[in-house]
Protein backbone atom coordinates (compact mmCIF):
# COMPACT_ATOMS: atom_id res chain seq x y z
CA MET A 1 0.00 0.00 0.00
CA THR A 2 1.25 3.45 -0.86
CA ARG A 3 1.37 5.86 2.01
CA ALA A 4 -0.80 8.91 1.56
CA ARG A 5 1.17 12.11 1.25
CA GLN A 6 0.64 14.52 4.11
CA VAL A 7 -0.44 17.97 3.03
CA PRO A 8 1.82 20.64 4.52
CA ARG A 9 0.16 23.01 6.96
CA TRP A 10 0.96 26.10 4.94
CA ALA A 11 -0.97 24.68 1.98
CA ILE A 12 -4.07 24.68 4.23
CA TYR A 13 -3.60 27.90 6.16
CA LEU A 14 -2.43 30.09 3.29
CA PRO A 15 -5.64 29.82 1.21
CA LEU A 16 -7.72 30.15 4.37
CA GLY A 17 -5.77 33.25 5.34
CA VAL A 18 -6.29 34.84 1.92
CA TYR A 19 -10.00 34.02 2.07
CA LEU A 20 -10.32 35.53 5.56
CA LEU A 21 -8.45 38.62 4.40
CA PHE A 22 -10.90 39.26 1.56
CA THR A 23 -13.84 38.47 3.86
CA LEU A 24 -12.92 40.41 6.99
CA VAL A 25 -11.30 43.54 5.54
CA PRO A 26 -14.63 44.98 4.27
CA PHE A 27 -16.17 44.36 7.71
CA TYR A 28 -13.25 46.09 9.41
CA TRP A 29 -13.51 48.98 6.97
CA ILE A 30 -17.20 49.54 7.72
CA LEU A 31 -16.52 49.37 11.47
CA LEU A 32 -13.63 51.81 11.03
CA PHE A 33 -15.82 54.44 9.36
CA ALA A 34 -18.70 53.83 11.78
CA PHE A 35 -16.66 54.33 14.98
CA ARG A 36 -14.08 56.84 13.72
CA LYS A 37 -14.55 60.57 14.19
CA THR A 38 -15.53 62.62 11.16
CA GLY A 39 -12.47 63.90 9.31
CA SER A 40 -10.09 61.40 10.91
CA THR A 41 -7.79 59.35 8.68
CA ALA A 42 -6.57 56.93 11.37
CA LEU A 43 -6.57 53.23 10.55
CA VAL A 44 -7.67 52.40 14.10
CA PRO A 45 -10.96 53.86 15.33
CA TRP A 46 -9.67 55.33 18.57
CA PRO A 47 -11.07 57.05 20.52
CA LEU A 48 -14.42 55.44 19.67
CA THR A 49 -17.30 57.71 18.78
CA PHE A 50 -21.00 56.95 18.50
CA GLU A 51 -21.96 60.20 16.81
CA HIS A 52 -22.61 58.46 13.48
CA PHE A 53 -25.02 56.01 15.13
CA ASP A 54 -26.86 58.90 16.76
CA THR A 55 -27.06 60.59 13.35
CA VAL A 56 -28.59 57.60 11.55
CA TRP A 57 -30.85 56.43 14.41
CA ASN A 58 -32.32 59.78 15.40
CA GLY A 59 -31.49 62.12 12.54
CA ALA A 60 -32.01 59.84 9.52
CA GLY A 61 -34.93 57.93 11.03
CA PHE A 62 -33.25 54.53 11.23
CA GLY A 63 -35.25 53.73 14.35
CA VAL A 64 -38.41 53.67 12.21
CA PHE A 65 -36.65 51.82 9.38
CA PHE A 66 -35.37 49.20 11.82
CA LYS A 67 -38.85 48.63 13.26
CA ASN A 68 -40.35 48.27 9.77
CA SER A 69 -37.66 45.76 8.75
CA VAL A 70 -38.24 43.69 11.90
CA VAL A 71 -42.01 43.63 11.36
CA ILE A 72 -41.62 42.58 7.71
CA ALA A 73 -39.02 39.90 8.48
CA VAL A 74 -40.99 38.38 11.38
CA LEU A 75 -44.30 38.31 9.50
CA THR A 76 -42.59 36.84 6.42
CA VAL A 77 -40.99 34.10 8.53
CA ILE A 78 -44.32 33.20 10.16
CA LEU A 79 -46.27 33.20 6.89
CA THR A 80 -43.60 31.26 4.99
CA THR A 81 -43.10 28.66 7.71
CA VAL A 82 -46.80 27.94 8.30
CA ILE A 83 -47.62 27.57 4.60
CA ALA A 84 -44.43 25.56 3.94
CA LEU A 85 -45.37 23.13 6.73
CA ALA A 86 -48.85 22.63 5.25
CA GLY A 87 -47.65 22.37 1.64
CA GLY A 88 -44.68 20.17 2.48
CA TYR A 89 -46.89 17.81 4.47
CA ALA A 90 -49.32 17.51 1.56
CA LEU A 91 -46.53 16.68 -0.88
CA ALA A 92 -44.85 14.23 1.50
CA ARG A 93 -47.85 12.31 2.82
CA PHE A 94 -50.49 12.34 0.05
CA SER A 95 -50.51 10.91 -3.44
CA PHE A 96 -52.53 12.77 -6.05
CA LYS A 97 -52.51 13.41 -9.76
CA GLY A 98 -50.08 16.03 -10.94
CA LYS A 99 -47.91 16.06 -7.80
CA GLY A 100 -44.72 15.70 -9.83
CA ALA A 101 -45.79 18.45 -12.23
CA ILE A 102 -46.58 20.77 -9.32
CA MET A 103 -43.12 20.25 -7.85
CA VAL A 104 -41.47 20.91 -11.23
CA LEU A 105 -43.51 24.09 -11.67
CA MET A 106 -42.54 25.30 -8.20
CA LEU A 107 -38.88 24.68 -9.00
CA CYS A 108 -39.24 26.56 -12.30
CA THR A 109 -40.50 29.63 -10.46
CA GLN A 110 -37.06 29.94 -8.89
CA PHE A 111 -35.66 30.85 -12.30
CA VAL A 112 -37.96 33.88 -12.61
CA PRO A 113 -36.18 37.06 -11.43
CA GLY A 114 -38.07 39.31 -9.08
CA ALA A 115 -37.72 42.29 -11.41
CA MET A 116 -39.95 40.57 -13.97
CA MET A 117 -42.77 40.36 -11.43
CA LEU A 118 -42.73 44.00 -10.35
CA ILE A 119 -45.45 45.23 -12.73
CA PRO A 120 -47.90 42.33 -12.11
CA LEU A 121 -47.37 42.59 -8.35
CA PHE A 122 -47.77 46.36 -8.43
CA ASP A 123 -51.10 46.02 -10.27
CA ILE A 124 -52.31 43.39 -7.79
CA PHE A 125 -51.28 45.42 -4.75
CA ARG A 126 -52.80 48.59 -6.17
CA ALA A 127 -56.11 46.78 -6.76
CA THR A 128 -56.06 45.41 -3.22
CA GLN A 129 -54.90 48.75 -1.73
CA LEU A 130 -51.69 47.28 -0.35
CA ILE A 131 -49.35 49.79 -2.00
CA ASN A 132 -47.33 51.71 0.60
CA THR A 133 -48.10 49.17 3.31
CA LEU A 134 -45.75 46.70 4.95
CA TRP A 135 -48.09 43.85 3.99
CA SER A 136 -47.20 44.30 0.31
CA ILE A 137 -43.57 43.46 1.11
CA VAL A 138 -44.56 40.57 3.39
CA VAL A 139 -46.76 38.98 0.73
CA ALA A 140 -44.23 39.51 -2.09
CA ASP A 141 -41.34 38.09 -0.02
CA ALA A 142 -43.38 35.09 1.13
CA VAL A 143 -44.52 34.28 -2.42
CA PHE A 144 -40.93 34.13 -3.63
CA HIS A 145 -39.73 32.07 -0.67
CA LEU A 146 -42.55 29.53 -0.64
CA PRO A 147 -41.77 27.25 -3.65
CA LEU A 148 -38.31 26.25 -2.45
CA SER A 149 -39.43 26.22 1.20
CA ILE A 150 -42.30 23.83 0.45
CA ILE A 151 -40.04 21.46 -1.50
CA LEU A 152 -37.42 21.45 1.26
CA MET A 153 -40.07 20.90 3.92
CA ALA A 154 -41.48 17.96 1.95
CA GLY A 155 -37.98 16.43 2.02
CA PHE A 156 -37.76 16.90 5.80
CA ILE A 157 -41.17 15.30 6.40
CA LYS A 158 -40.42 12.33 4.11
CA ASN A 159 -37.47 11.46 6.34
CA ILE A 160 -39.79 11.05 9.35
CA PRO A 161 -41.43 7.60 9.44
CA VAL A 162 -45.15 7.75 8.88
CA GLU A 163 -45.52 4.98 11.48
CA LEU A 164 -45.00 7.63 14.19
CA GLU A 165 -48.13 9.43 13.02
CA GLU A 166 -50.06 6.18 12.65
CA ALA A 167 -49.23 5.30 16.25
CA SER A 168 -50.61 8.65 17.40
CA TRP A 169 -53.79 8.05 15.39
CA VAL A 170 -54.23 4.71 17.14
CA ASP A 171 -53.91 6.55 20.47
CA GLY A 172 -56.80 8.81 19.51
CA CYS A 173 -55.07 11.80 17.96
CA GLY A 174 -56.44 13.36 14.80
CA ARG A 175 -54.19 14.11 11.84
CA PHE A 176 -53.46 17.68 12.93
CA ARG A 177 -52.79 16.81 16.56
CA GLY A 178 -50.70 13.80 15.54
CA PHE A 179 -48.60 16.04 13.29
CA ARG A 180 -48.20 18.63 16.04
CA MET A 181 -47.27 16.08 18.72
CA THR A 182 -45.06 13.64 16.79
CA VAL A 183 -43.76 15.21 13.57
CA LEU A 184 -43.36 18.90 14.35
CA PRO A 185 -40.82 18.44 17.21
CA LEU A 186 -38.63 16.40 14.82
CA LEU A 187 -38.80 19.13 12.18
CA ARG A 188 -36.94 21.73 14.25
CA PRO A 189 -33.75 21.72 12.11
CA GLY A 190 -35.82 22.07 8.93
CA VAL A 191 -38.02 24.81 10.36
CA VAL A 192 -34.95 26.72 11.57
CA ALA A 193 -33.25 26.42 8.17
CA ILE A 194 -36.30 27.64 6.24
CA SER A 195 -37.08 30.39 8.73
CA SER A 196 -33.52 31.72 8.77
CA PHE A 197 -33.33 31.97 4.98
CA ALA A 198 -36.73 33.67 4.88
CA PHE A 199 -35.65 36.13 7.58
CA ILE A 200 -32.34 37.04 5.97
CA SER A 201 -33.80 37.34 2.48
CA SER A 202 -36.68 39.56 3.60
CA TRP A 203 -34.39 41.63 5.83
CA ASN A 204 -32.05 42.38 2.91
CA ASN A 205 -34.74 42.81 0.25
CA PHE A 206 -34.33 46.14 -1.49
CA LEU A 207 -36.20 45.95 -4.79
CA PHE A 208 -39.71 45.28 -3.50
CA ALA A 209 -39.42 47.83 -0.70
CA LEU A 210 -38.17 50.49 -3.12
CA MET A 211 -41.00 49.88 -5.60
CA PHE A 212 -43.98 49.31 -3.29
CA LEU A 213 -43.25 51.80 -0.47
CA ASN A 214 -43.34 55.54 -1.14
CA SER A 215 -43.53 57.24 2.26
CA GLN A 216 -40.55 57.58 4.57
CA ASP A 217 -42.37 56.21 7.62
CA GLN A 218 -42.76 52.88 5.74
CA PHE A 219 -39.16 52.55 4.51
CA THR A 220 -36.97 49.59 5.46
CA ILE A 221 -33.26 49.69 6.27
CA PRO A 222 -32.00 48.89 2.71
CA VAL A 223 -34.15 51.69 1.26
CA GLY A 224 -33.07 54.06 4.03
CA LEU A 225 -29.42 53.33 3.25
CA SER A 226 -29.95 54.10 -0.43
CA TYR A 227 -31.43 57.52 0.42
CA MET A 228 -28.28 58.41 2.35
CA LEU A 229 -26.31 58.51 -0.90
CA GLY A 230 -26.42 62.17 -1.89
CA GLU A 231 -25.98 63.45 -5.43
CA TYR A 232 -22.84 65.45 -4.62
CA SER A 233 -21.70 64.18 -1.22
CA VAL A 234 -21.91 61.11 1.00
CA ASP A 235 -21.59 60.95 4.78
CA PHE A 236 -19.48 57.79 4.89
CA GLY A 237 -19.52 57.65 8.70
CA ALA A 238 -23.32 57.71 8.89
CA LEU A 239 -23.61 55.31 5.96
CA ALA A 240 -21.22 52.86 7.65
CA ALA A 241 -23.13 53.15 10.94
CA GLY A 242 -26.34 52.34 9.07
CA GLY A 243 -24.60 49.34 7.54
CA VAL A 244 -23.60 48.09 10.99
CA VAL A 245 -27.21 48.45 12.18
CA ALA A 246 -28.33 46.43 9.14
CA VAL A 247 -25.73 43.67 9.61
CA VAL A 248 -26.05 43.02 13.36
CA PRO A 249 -29.45 41.19 13.28
CA VAL A 250 -28.31 38.94 10.44
CA VAL A 251 -25.11 38.04 12.31
CA LEU A 252 -27.10 37.27 15.48
CA VAL A 253 -29.54 35.06 13.56
CA PHE A 254 -26.70 33.09 11.93
CA ALA A 255 -24.88 32.76 15.25
CA TYR A 256 -27.98 31.15 16.74
CA VAL A 257 -29.09 28.91 13.86
CA GLN A 258 -25.73 27.75 12.48
CA ARG A 259 -25.84 24.52 14.53
CA PHE A 260 -29.20 23.62 12.94
CA LEU A 261 -28.51 24.97 9.45
CA VAL A 262 -26.28 22.24 7.97
CA GLN A 263 -28.32 19.49 9.62
CA GLY A 264 -31.56 20.94 8.31
CA LEU A 265 -30.37 21.49 4.75
CA SER A 266 -28.81 18.03 4.49
CA ALA A 267 -31.99 16.43 5.84
CA GLY A 268 -34.16 18.24 3.33
CA ALA A 269 -31.90 17.31 0.46
CA VAL A 270 -32.21 13.54 1.07
CA LYS A 271 -34.59 11.83 -1.30
CA GLY A 272 -37.54 10.28 0.54
């Protein structure tokens, strides 16, 4: 037997170091501008200043933008998760004509860019008087998340033996209660994976919020950041502080769900 050649340590750490350099330098740069005093050219933000955060939170209205983004993200997560659970259960547990075609059609919707749907969605929301309301963004985000979420959820549910539900039915549970008591607790990694992607996508969504919201008290953080770019000048400190405010919730969500994320995605990818 030939002995496997040992890879030298530098061949591992050098590419990782280059990758970390390209990844972390932009984050350091945004923190530098956010905590550095206006007019300073130091490469270390010392002494720290929070004047830029005060400017964006109180002066630029980021407190309102932050609240709107949280409301949209939370409602989108709830709507997406509930419908994905119902749709995924139907695809995983029932056999009916056209099930394969429905799944193919849902997958095909993922190839449609959001920009192509702006005019139809705008007409629908105008007819239903949802323009310039947060619900227009919630519905649009949920519609685009649902096809993939339903397919992934169907994969999660297929990996749970149906005999667990049948045992609960024998014990007197109905289908809904049996699902809630036996299947739902086992779906936690899948629910966390779907919910986290829905949250991050809706939190960062810029196009829908820009098109469907037209009053400042309804703006989200991405739209608020875009309005901080002046025609002739840019307050880089305030813009960086706004970027930090936008990034912190996403980082916290990933820090919490990362232990479930890989497990959930790999479970949903397994063919039932």
